[in-house]
Amino acid sequence: MDAFERLAPVVRAEDGCLQYDLHRVVGDPDRFVLVELWASREALAAHDVTPHMVAADAAGPAFRAGPAQVLELEVEPVA
């Protein structure tokens, strides 16, 4: 949580970042869901290669029990 709290403001300031929020899974205090929303696939691709994300990914094994499960969701515009 501390690492996320330091990283989140930097990510939220990136061009194209619309949402970047971490949530605990109810009933499982060691499991989290990270919700990210990006303006475009290009913005997400640029995010993935920023120095702060490269460093965060390198540090990931220190606090993750295993690889992250990534689910891509399609967002429909609200009429």
PDB file of N, CA and C in Angstrom:
ATOM      1  N   MET A   1       0.827  -1.191   0.000  1.00  0.00           N
ATOM      2  CA  MET A   1       0.000   0.000   0.000  1.00  0.00           C
ATOM      3  C   MET A   1       0.871   1.253   0.000  1.00  0.00           C
ATOM      4  N   ASP A   2       1.950   1.244   0.758  1.00  0.00           N
ATOM      5  CA  ASP A   2       2.823   2.416   0.807  1.00  0.00           C
ATOM      6  C   ASP A   2       3.430   2.703  -0.563  1.00  0.00           C
ATOM      7  N   ALA A   3       3.872   1.653  -1.240  1.00  0.00           N
ATOM      8  CA  ALA A   3       4.453   1.831  -2.576  1.00  0.00           C
ATOM      9  C   ALA A   3       3.420   2.397  -3.538  1.00  0.00           C
ATOM     10  N   PHE A   4       2.190   1.901  -3.459  1.00  0.00           N
ATOM     11  CA  PHE A   4       1.139   2.412  -4.339  1.00  0.00           C
ATOM     12  C   PHE A   4       0.850   3.881  -4.039  1.00  0.00           C
ATOM     13  N   GLU A   5       0.792   4.236  -2.771  1.00  0.00           N
ATOM     14  CA  GLU A   5       0.504   5.622  -2.391  1.00  0.00           C
ATOM     15  C   GLU A   5       1.563   6.594  -2.913  1.00  0.00           C
ATOM     16  N   ARG A   6       2.798   6.129  -3.017  1.00  0.00           N
ATOM     17  CA  ARG A   6       3.856   6.976  -3.584  1.00  0.00           C
ATOM     18  C   ARG A   6       3.767   7.038  -5.106  1.00  0.00           C
ATOM     19  N   LEU A   7       3.397   5.934  -5.721  1.00  0.00           N
ATOM     20  CA  LEU A   7       3.353   5.837  -7.180  1.00  0.00           C
ATOM     21  C   LEU A   7       2.106   6.481  -7.785  1.00  0.00           C
ATOM     22  N   ALA A   8       0.976   6.347  -7.134  1.00  0.00           N
ATOM     23  CA  ALA A   8      -0.305   6.769  -7.700  1.00  0.00           C
ATOM     24  C   ALA A   8      -0.338   8.221  -8.179  1.00  0.00           C
ATOM     25  N   PRO A   9       0.118   9.204  -7.407  1.00  0.00           N
ATOM     26  CA  PRO A   9       0.044  10.587  -7.890  1.00  0.00           C
ATOM     27  C   PRO A   9       0.864  10.823  -9.164  1.00  0.00           C
ATOM     28  N   VAL A  10       1.987  10.123  -9.278  1.00  0.00           N
ATOM     29  CA  VAL A  10       2.835  10.260 -10.463  1.00  0.00           C
ATOM     30  C   VAL A  10       2.109   9.691 -11.677  1.00  0.00           C
ATOM     31  N   VAL A  11       1.492   8.527 -11.509  1.00  0.00           N
ATOM     32  CA  VAL A  11       0.760   7.902 -12.611  1.00  0.00           C
ATOM     33  C   VAL A  11      -0.455   8.742 -12.981  1.00  0.00           C
ATOM     34  N   ARG A  12      -1.190   9.209 -11.988  1.00  0.00           N
ATOM     35  CA  ARG A  12      -2.389  10.005 -12.269  1.00  0.00           C
ATOM     36  C   ARG A  12      -2.066  11.297 -13.008  1.00  0.00           C
ATOM     37  N   ALA A  13      -0.837  11.782 -12.903  1.00  0.00           N
ATOM     38  CA  ALA A  13      -0.420  13.004 -13.595  1.00  0.00           C
ATOM     39  C   ALA A  13      -0.010  12.746 -15.047  1.00  0.00           C
ATOM     40  N   GLU A  14       0.089  11.487 -15.444  1.00  0.00           N
ATOM     41  CA  GLU A  14       0.486  11.168 -16.814  1.00  0.00           C
ATOM     42  C   GLU A  14      -0.617  11.565 -17.795  1.00  0.00           C
ATOM     43  N   ASP A  15      -0.186  11.973 -19.004  1.00  0.00           N
ATOM     44  CA  ASP A  15      -1.147  12.259 -20.067  1.00  0.00           C
ATOM     45  C   ASP A  15      -1.951  11.008 -20.371  1.00  0.00           C
ATOM     46  N   GLY A  16      -3.252  11.136 -20.395  1.00  0.00           N
ATOM     47  CA  GLY A  16      -4.114  10.025 -20.762  1.00  0.00           C
ATOM     48  C   GLY A  16      -4.595   9.170 -19.607  1.00  0.00           C
ATOM     49  N   CYS A  17      -4.103   9.392 -18.390  1.00  0.00           N
ATOM     50  CA  CYS A  17      -4.570   8.618 -17.240  1.00  0.00           C
ATOM     51  C   CYS A  17      -5.896   9.205 -16.764  1.00  0.00           C
ATOM     52  N   LEU A  18      -6.934   8.410 -16.826  1.00  0.00           N
ATOM     53  CA  LEU A  18      -8.265   8.834 -16.387  1.00  0.00           C
ATOM     54  C   LEU A  18      -8.612   8.274 -15.004  1.00  0.00           C
ATOM     55  N   GLN A  19      -8.017   7.131 -14.661  1.00  0.00           N
ATOM     56  CA  GLN A  19      -8.259   6.528 -13.355  1.00  0.00           C
ATOM     57  C   GLN A  19      -7.116   5.581 -13.030  1.00  0.00           C
ATOM     58  N   TYR A  20      -6.709   5.582 -11.750  1.00  0.00           N
ATOM     59  CA  TYR A  20      -5.664   4.690 -11.270  1.00  0.00           C
ATOM     60  C   TYR A  20      -5.898   4.517  -9.776  1.00  0.00           C
ATOM     61  N   ASP A  21      -6.664   3.478  -9.408  1.00  0.00           N
ATOM     62  CA  ASP A  21      -7.102   3.291  -8.028  1.00  0.00           C
ATOM     63  C   ASP A  21      -6.911   1.845  -7.592  1.00  0.00           C
ATOM     64  N   LEU A  22      -6.417   1.668  -6.371  1.00  0.00           N
ATOM     65  CA  LEU A  22      -6.207   0.347  -5.789  1.00  0.00           C
ATOM     66  C   LEU A  22      -7.282   0.081  -4.749  1.00  0.00           C
ATOM     67  N   HIS A  23      -7.871  -1.124  -4.778  1.00  0.00           N
ATOM     68  CA  HIS A  23      -8.933  -1.506  -3.845  1.00  0.00           C
ATOM     69  C   HIS A  23      -8.601  -2.858  -3.232  1.00  0.00           C
ATOM     70  N   ARG A  24      -8.866  -3.009  -1.937  1.00  0.00           N
ATOM     71  CA  ARG A  24      -8.732  -4.317  -1.273  1.00  0.00           C
ATOM     72  C   ARG A  24      -9.929  -5.193  -1.651  1.00  0.00           C
ATOM     73  N   VAL A  25      -9.677  -6.484  -1.762  1.00  0.00           N
ATOM     74  CA  VAL A  25     -10.745  -7.447  -2.001  1.00  0.00           C
ATOM     75  C   VAL A  25     -11.398  -7.752  -0.650  1.00  0.00           C
ATOM     76  N   VAL A  26     -12.703  -7.611  -0.574  1.00  0.00           N
ATOM     77  CA  VAL A  26     -13.439  -7.863   0.666  1.00  0.00           C
ATOM     78  C   VAL A  26     -13.218  -9.316   1.086  1.00  0.00           C
ATOM     79  N   GLY A  27     -12.854  -9.500   2.349  1.00  0.00           N
ATOM     80  CA  GLY A  27     -12.656 -10.834   2.884  1.00  0.00           C
ATOM     81  C   GLY A  27     -11.277 -11.407   2.639  1.00  0.00           C
ATOM     82  N   ASP A  28     -10.416 -10.684   1.933  1.00  0.00           N
ATOM     83  CA  ASP A  28      -9.063 -11.169   1.657  1.00  0.00           C
ATOM     84  C   ASP A  28      -8.103  -9.982   1.747  1.00  0.00           C
ATOM     85  N   PRO A  29      -7.595  -9.690   2.937  1.00  0.00           N
ATOM     86  CA  PRO A  29      -6.785  -8.488   3.144  1.00  0.00           C
ATOM     87  C   PRO A  29      -5.453  -8.473   2.388  1.00  0.00           C
ATOM     88  N   ASP A  30      -5.060  -9.613   1.826  1.00  0.00           N
ATOM     89  CA  ASP A  30      -3.802  -9.680   1.083  1.00  0.00           C
ATOM     90  C   ASP A  30      -4.009  -9.645  -0.428  1.00  0.00           C
ATOM     91  N   ARG A  31      -5.238  -9.360  -0.862  1.00  0.00           N
ATOM     92  CA  ARG A  31      -5.542  -9.348  -2.299  1.00  0.00           C
ATOM     93  C   ARG A  31      -6.107  -7.989  -2.677  1.00  0.00           C
ATOM     94  N   PHE A  32      -5.666  -7.501  -3.842  1.00  0.00           N
ATOM     95  CA  PHE A  32      -6.047  -6.168  -4.292  1.00  0.00           C
ATOM     96  C   PHE A  32      -6.463  -6.194  -5.757  1.00  0.00           C
ATOM     97  N   VAL A  33      -7.242  -5.182  -6.127  1.00  0.00           N
ATOM     98  CA  VAL A  33      -7.608  -4.966  -7.523  1.00  0.00           C
ATOM     99  C   VAL A  33      -7.184  -3.547  -7.871  1.00  0.00           C
ATOM    100  N   LEU A  34      -6.411  -3.412  -8.938  1.00  0.00           N
ATOM    101  CA  LEU A  34      -5.996  -2.107  -9.435  1.00  0.00           C
ATOM    102  C   LEU A  34      -6.853  -1.785 -10.649  1.00  0.00           C
ATOM    103  N   VAL A  35      -7.586  -0.694 -10.578  1.00  0.00           N
ATOM    104  CA  VAL A  35      -8.441  -0.264 -11.688  1.00  0.00           C
ATOM    105  C   VAL A  35      -7.731   0.885 -12.390  1.00  0.00           C
ATOM    106  N   GLU A  36      -7.442   0.673 -13.673  1.00  0.00           N
ATOM    107  CA  GLU A  36      -6.803   1.693 -14.494  1.00  0.00           C
ATOM    108  C   GLU A  36      -7.709   2.009 -15.667  1.00  0.00           C
ATOM    109  N   LEU A  37      -7.828   3.277 -15.988  1.00  0.00           N
ATOM    110  CA  LEU A  37      -8.584   3.701 -17.165  1.00  0.00           C
ATOM    111  C   LEU A  37      -7.719   4.703 -17.909  1.00  0.00           C
ATOM    112  N   TRP A  38      -7.492   4.427 -19.183  1.00  0.00           N
ATOM    113  CA  TRP A  38      -6.618   5.256 -20.010  1.00  0.00           C
ATOM    114  C   TRP A  38      -7.390   5.792 -21.196  1.00  0.00           C
ATOM    115  N   ALA A  39      -7.027   6.975 -21.645  1.00  0.00           N
ATOM    116  CA  ALA A  39      -7.714   7.635 -22.754  1.00  0.00           C
ATOM    117  C   ALA A  39      -7.535   6.875 -24.068  1.00  0.00           C
ATOM    118  N   SER A  40      -6.437   6.133 -24.177  1.00  0.00           N
ATOM    119  CA  SER A  40      -6.177   5.387 -25.415  1.00  0.00           C
ATOM    120  C   SER A  40      -5.173   4.275 -25.130  1.00  0.00           C
ATOM    121  N   ARG A  41      -5.085   3.341 -26.057  1.00  0.00           N
ATOM    122  CA  ARG A  41      -4.074   2.281 -25.945  1.00  0.00           C
ATOM    123  C   ARG A  41      -2.667   2.881 -26.023  1.00  0.00           C
ATOM    124  N   GLU A  42      -2.530   3.959 -26.791  1.00  0.00           N
ATOM    125  CA  GLU A  42      -1.235   4.623 -26.910  1.00  0.00           C
ATOM    126  C   GLU A  42      -0.799   5.235 -25.574  1.00  0.00           C
ATOM    127  N   ALA A  43      -1.751   5.826 -24.850  1.00  0.00           N
ATOM    128  CA  ALA A  43      -1.439   6.390 -23.532  1.00  0.00           C
ATOM    129  C   ALA A  43      -1.015   5.287 -22.566  1.00  0.00           C
ATOM    130  N   LEU A  44      -1.690   4.148 -22.611  1.00  0.00           N
ATOM    131  CA  LEU A  44      -1.319   3.017 -21.756  1.00  0.00           C
ATOM    132  C   LEU A  44       0.064   2.496 -22.126  1.00  0.00           C
ATOM    133  N   ALA A  45       0.341   2.389 -23.431  1.00  0.00           N
ATOM    134  CA  ALA A  45       1.655   1.910 -23.878  1.00  0.00           C
ATOM    135  C   ALA A  45       2.760   2.855 -23.410  1.00  0.00           C
ATOM    136  N   ALA A  46       2.512   4.161 -23.474  1.00  0.00           N
ATOM    137  CA  ALA A  46       3.499   5.139 -23.009  1.00  0.00           C
ATOM    138  C   ALA A  46       3.700   5.010 -21.495  1.00  0.00           C
ATOM    139  N   HIS A  47       2.622   4.780 -20.768  1.00  0.00           N
ATOM    140  CA  HIS A  47       2.680   4.590 -19.320  1.00  0.00           C
ATOM    141  C   HIS A  47       3.578   3.408 -18.955  1.00  0.00           C
ATOM    142  N   ASP A  48       3.432   2.322 -19.689  1.00  0.00           N
ATOM    143  CA  ASP A  48       4.171   1.097 -19.375  1.00  0.00           C
ATOM    144  C   ASP A  48       5.686   1.254 -19.454  1.00  0.00           C
ATOM    145  N   VAL A  49       6.179   2.242 -20.196  1.00  0.00           N
ATOM    146  CA  VAL A  49       7.631   2.401 -20.363  1.00  0.00           C
ATOM    147  C   VAL A  49       8.187   3.634 -19.643  1.00  0.00           C
ATOM    148  N   THR A  50       7.371   4.274 -18.810  1.00  0.00           N
ATOM    149  CA  THR A  50       7.884   5.397 -18.028  1.00  0.00           C
ATOM    150  C   THR A  50       8.894   4.877 -17.002  1.00  0.00           C
ATOM    151  N   PRO A  51       9.859   5.706 -16.642  1.00  0.00           N
ATOM    152  CA  PRO A  51      10.860   5.247 -15.658  1.00  0.00           C
ATOM    153  C   PRO A  51      10.240   4.785 -14.336  1.00  0.00           C
ATOM    154  N   HIS A  52       9.187   5.469 -13.871  1.00  0.00           N
ATOM    155  CA  HIS A  52       8.582   5.067 -12.595  1.00  0.00           C
ATOM    156  C   HIS A  52       7.870   3.721 -12.692  1.00  0.00           C
ATOM    157  N   MET A  53       7.313   3.387 -13.852  1.00  0.00           N
ATOM    158  CA  MET A  53       6.669   2.076 -13.985  1.00  0.00           C
ATOM    159  C   MET A  53       7.691   0.962 -14.192  1.00  0.00           C
ATOM    160  N   VAL A  54       8.756   1.254 -14.919  1.00  0.00           N
ATOM    161  CA  VAL A  54       9.825   0.258 -15.077  1.00  0.00           C
ATOM    162  C   VAL A  54      10.390  -0.086 -13.694  1.00  0.00           C
ATOM    163  N   ALA A  55      10.610   0.938 -12.865  1.00  0.00           N
ATOM    164  CA  ALA A  55      11.119   0.703 -11.501  1.00  0.00           C
ATOM    165  C   ALA A  55      10.096  -0.049 -10.657  1.00  0.00           C
ATOM    166  N   ALA A  56       8.818   0.313 -10.766  1.00  0.00           N
ATOM    167  CA  ALA A  56       7.769  -0.362  -9.992  1.00  0.00           C
ATOM    168  C   ALA A  56       7.652  -1.829 -10.403  1.00  0.00           C
ATOM    169  N   ASP A  57       7.739  -2.093 -11.695  1.00  0.00           N
ATOM    170  CA  ASP A  57       7.668  -3.481 -12.162  1.00  0.00           C
ATOM    171  C   ASP A  57       8.852  -4.294 -11.657  1.00  0.00           C
ATOM    172  N   ALA A  58      10.027  -3.673 -11.613  1.00  0.00           N
ATOM    173  CA  ALA A  58      11.211  -4.378 -11.117  1.00  0.00           C
ATOM    174  C   ALA A  58      11.078  -4.697  -9.638  1.00  0.00           C
ATOM    175  N   ALA A  59      10.399  -3.833  -8.882  1.00  0.00           N
ATOM    176  CA  ALA A  59      10.220  -4.048  -7.441  1.00  0.00           C
ATOM    177  C   ALA A  59       9.050  -4.980  -7.138  1.00  0.00           C
ATOM    178  N   GLY A  60       8.207  -5.253  -8.111  1.00  0.00           N
ATOM    179  CA  GLY A  60       7.007  -6.059  -7.911  1.00  0.00           C
ATOM    180  C   GLY A  60       7.201  -7.372  -7.185  1.00  0.00           C
ATOM    181  N   PRO A  61       8.209  -8.172  -7.533  1.00  0.00           N
ATOM    182  CA  PRO A  61       8.373  -9.460  -6.847  1.00  0.00           C
ATOM    183  C   PRO A  61       8.569  -9.338  -5.336  1.00  0.00           C
ATOM    184  N   ALA A  62       8.989  -8.181  -4.852  1.00  0.00           N
ATOM    185  CA  ALA A  62       9.202  -8.013  -3.418  1.00  0.00           C
ATOM    186  C   ALA A  62       7.893  -7.961  -2.646  1.00  0.00           C
ATOM    187  N   PHE A  63       6.801  -7.602  -3.309  1.00  0.00           N
ATOM    188  CA  PHE A  63       5.535  -7.502  -2.582  1.00  0.00           C
ATOM    189  C   PHE A  63       4.385  -8.260  -3.228  1.00  0.00           C
ATOM    190  N   ARG A  64       4.619  -8.926  -4.329  1.00  0.00           N
ATOM    191  CA  ARG A  64       3.578  -9.740  -4.968  1.00  0.00           C
ATOM    192  C   ARG A  64       3.830 -11.218  -4.699  1.00  0.00           C
ATOM    193  N   ALA A  65       2.747 -11.941  -4.430  1.00  0.00           N
ATOM    194  CA  ALA A  65       2.867 -13.387  -4.219  1.00  0.00           C
ATOM    195  C   ALA A  65       3.034 -14.123  -5.548  1.00  0.00           C
ATOM    196  N   GLY A  66       2.606 -13.503  -6.641  1.00  0.00           N
ATOM    197  CA  GLY A  66       2.689 -14.112  -7.959  1.00  0.00           C
ATOM    198  C   GLY A  66       2.403 -13.066  -9.008  1.00  0.00           C
ATOM    199  N   PRO A  67       2.363 -13.486 -10.255  1.00  0.00           N
ATOM    200  CA  PRO A  67       2.105 -12.525 -11.327  1.00  0.00           C
ATOM    201  C   PRO A  67       0.688 -11.954 -11.237  1.00  0.00           C
ATOM    202  N   ALA A  68       0.552 -10.737 -11.704  1.00  0.00           N
ATOM    203  CA  ALA A  68      -0.766 -10.097 -11.706  1.00  0.00           C
ATOM    204  C   ALA A  68      -1.649 -10.732 -12.777  1.00  0.00           C
ATOM    205  N   GLN A  69      -2.920 -10.807 -12.481  1.00  0.00           N
ATOM    206  CA  GLN A  69      -3.895 -11.252 -13.468  1.00  0.00           C
ATOM    207  C   GLN A  69      -4.478  -9.986 -14.086  1.00  0.00           C
ATOM    208  N   VAL A  70      -4.356  -9.840 -15.402  1.00  0.00           N
ATOM    209  CA  VAL A  70      -4.816  -8.634 -16.091  1.00  0.00           C
ATOM    210  C   VAL A  70      -6.097  -8.945 -16.859  1.00  0.00           C
ATOM    211  N   LEU A  71      -7.105  -8.145 -16.613  1.00  0.00           N
ATOM    212  CA  LEU A  71      -8.372  -8.258 -17.337  1.00  0.00           C
ATOM    213  C   LEU A  71      -8.589  -6.952 -18.083  1.00  0.00           C
ATOM    214  N   GLU A  72      -8.703  -7.030 -19.403  1.00  0.00           N
ATOM    215  CA  GLU A  72      -9.017  -5.835 -20.181  1.00  0.00           C
ATOM    216  C   GLU A  72     -10.524  -5.760 -20.331  1.00  0.00           C
ATOM    217  N   LEU A  73     -11.078  -4.612 -19.981  1.00  0.00           N
ATOM    218  CA  LEU A  73     -12.513  -4.413 -20.079  1.00  0.00           C
ATOM    219  C   LEU A  73     -12.811  -3.371 -21.144  1.00  0.00           C
ATOM    220  N   GLU A  74     -13.890  -3.559 -21.817  1.00  0.00           N
ATOM    221  CA  GLU A  74     -14.329  -2.602 -22.820  1.00  0.00           C
ATOM    222  C   GLU A  74     -15.308  -1.635 -22.139  1.00  0.00           C
ATOM    223  N   VAL A  75     -15.029  -0.367 -22.280  1.00  0.00           N
ATOM    224  CA  VAL A  75     -15.871   0.652 -21.647  1.00  0.00           C
ATOM    225  C   VAL A  75     -16.762   1.268 -22.709  1.00  0.00           C
ATOM    226  N   GLU A  76     -18.050   1.182 -22.473  1.00  0.00           N
ATOM    227  CA  GLU A  76     -19.016   1.769 -23.395  1.00  0.00           C
ATOM    228  C   GLU A  76     -19.307   3.190 -22.980  1.00  0.00           C
ATOM    229  N   PRO A  77     -19.362   4.116 -23.924  1.00  0.00           N
ATOM    230  CA  PRO A  77     -19.710   5.492 -23.571  1.00  0.00           C
ATOM    231  C   PRO A  77     -21.109   5.574 -22.975  1.00  0.00           C
ATOM    232  N   VAL A  78     -21.265   6.451 -22.005  1.00  0.00           N
ATOM    233  CA  VAL A  78     -22.570   6.657 -21.373  1.00  0.00           C
ATOM    234  C   VAL A  78     -23.342   7.676 -22.201  1.00  0.00           C
ATOM    235  N   ALA A  79     -24.565   7.325 -22.539  1.00  0.00           N
ATOM    236  CA  ALA A  79     -25.374   8.230 -23.388  1.00  0.00           C
ATOM    237  C   ALA A  79     -26.022   9.307 -22.562  1.00  0.00           C
TER     238      ALA A  79
END
